[in-house]
């Protein structure tokens, strides 16, 4: 038996479906327009909170139907069922001397944000916990403000974040362990704040991290060995804190590292031997600690090194001849240690050297006459040693 519906019924059914699709499209377009207008109103409320100078900088913010044309605002736009839609995806207001606070910004209305850049302004207040609703955020750039308070635990929920820049603020408290949940993070900079406590070991969970900067805070305790798992790191800055204990040998696993700065802490023990594995290093700064023992003989494995500072430690023994193989060195600082014996004449092979400081050690014997070959040298400091002979 033929069960196909009659032609009139098919036509009626087709028209009904088309009407439903059109109605859905109109409803979606209307819904998107409502979302965009709500986002615009949220931004206008925040605009009303800063001072007059900030109002002037944001004078293009006004018509709630066209926020995509406002200064510093970008939108994701598209076409769906022949209907245009748009939502705010980015706020970039860098260096505009804006005042105000983040607490008055309704993040719930801005869930579509992928980028928030309010860096280098005069923002005060704290980072509100409500920021955790920005689940689509890829970049959060708040550096160079006057933001106070602690880092909210909810930042760990921003799992799509690639860049978190909170440096040069007035943040205090500890680095929350939840920060390790941000497994997509590539750049993390919390430097130049007032952060205290330990570096959380969970930081080792951020396997895609390329740049990590926690410098110029009040962090204490040991450097967690879990950092050795961040094998994509190219720069690690932990200087100017109160870190103690030994330099973990796991740092020797960071084979992509180009810049390692651990200076001005209270680190002790010897320089790990396996640091010679870091053959891409161009900068190594361990100054201002309590490191003891010998300068590793295999330091010449760091053949790309341009800047080496081991000054202001308690290193002893002689300067290894192998340093003469670091032919890319421009700066060598070994002052204020307990180094003894003679200055190796191999230092005369460092043709690119511009700064050489050996002051305040226990070096003896004649000054190698081939140091006169270092034609790029602008600063030579041998003071407070027991050296003899003329300076070339």
Foldseek 3Di string as FASTA:
>chain_A
DDPDDDPVVVVVVVVVVVVVVVVVQVVVLVVLQVLQLLLLVLVVQQQVFWDPLSCVVFVQRDDSRPCCPTPQWHWDWDADPNHIGIHTATGADEQSQIEEEPVSRDVVSRLNYQYYAHDQHAYEEEDDLVVLSNQNHAEDHHYNYAYEEEDHLSVLSNQNYAYYHHAHYAYEEEDDLSVLSNQNYAYDAHAHYAYEEADHLSVLSNQNHAYDAHDHYAYEEADHLSVLNNQNYQEDHHEHYAYEEADDLSVLSNQNHAEYAHDQYAYEEADRQSVLSNLNHQYDHHYNYAYEEADHLSVCSVQNHAEDAHEHYAYEEADHLSVLNNQNHAYDHHDHYAYEEAHDLSVLNNQNHAEDAHEHYAYEEEDRPSVVNNVNHDYDHHYPYHYDDDDD
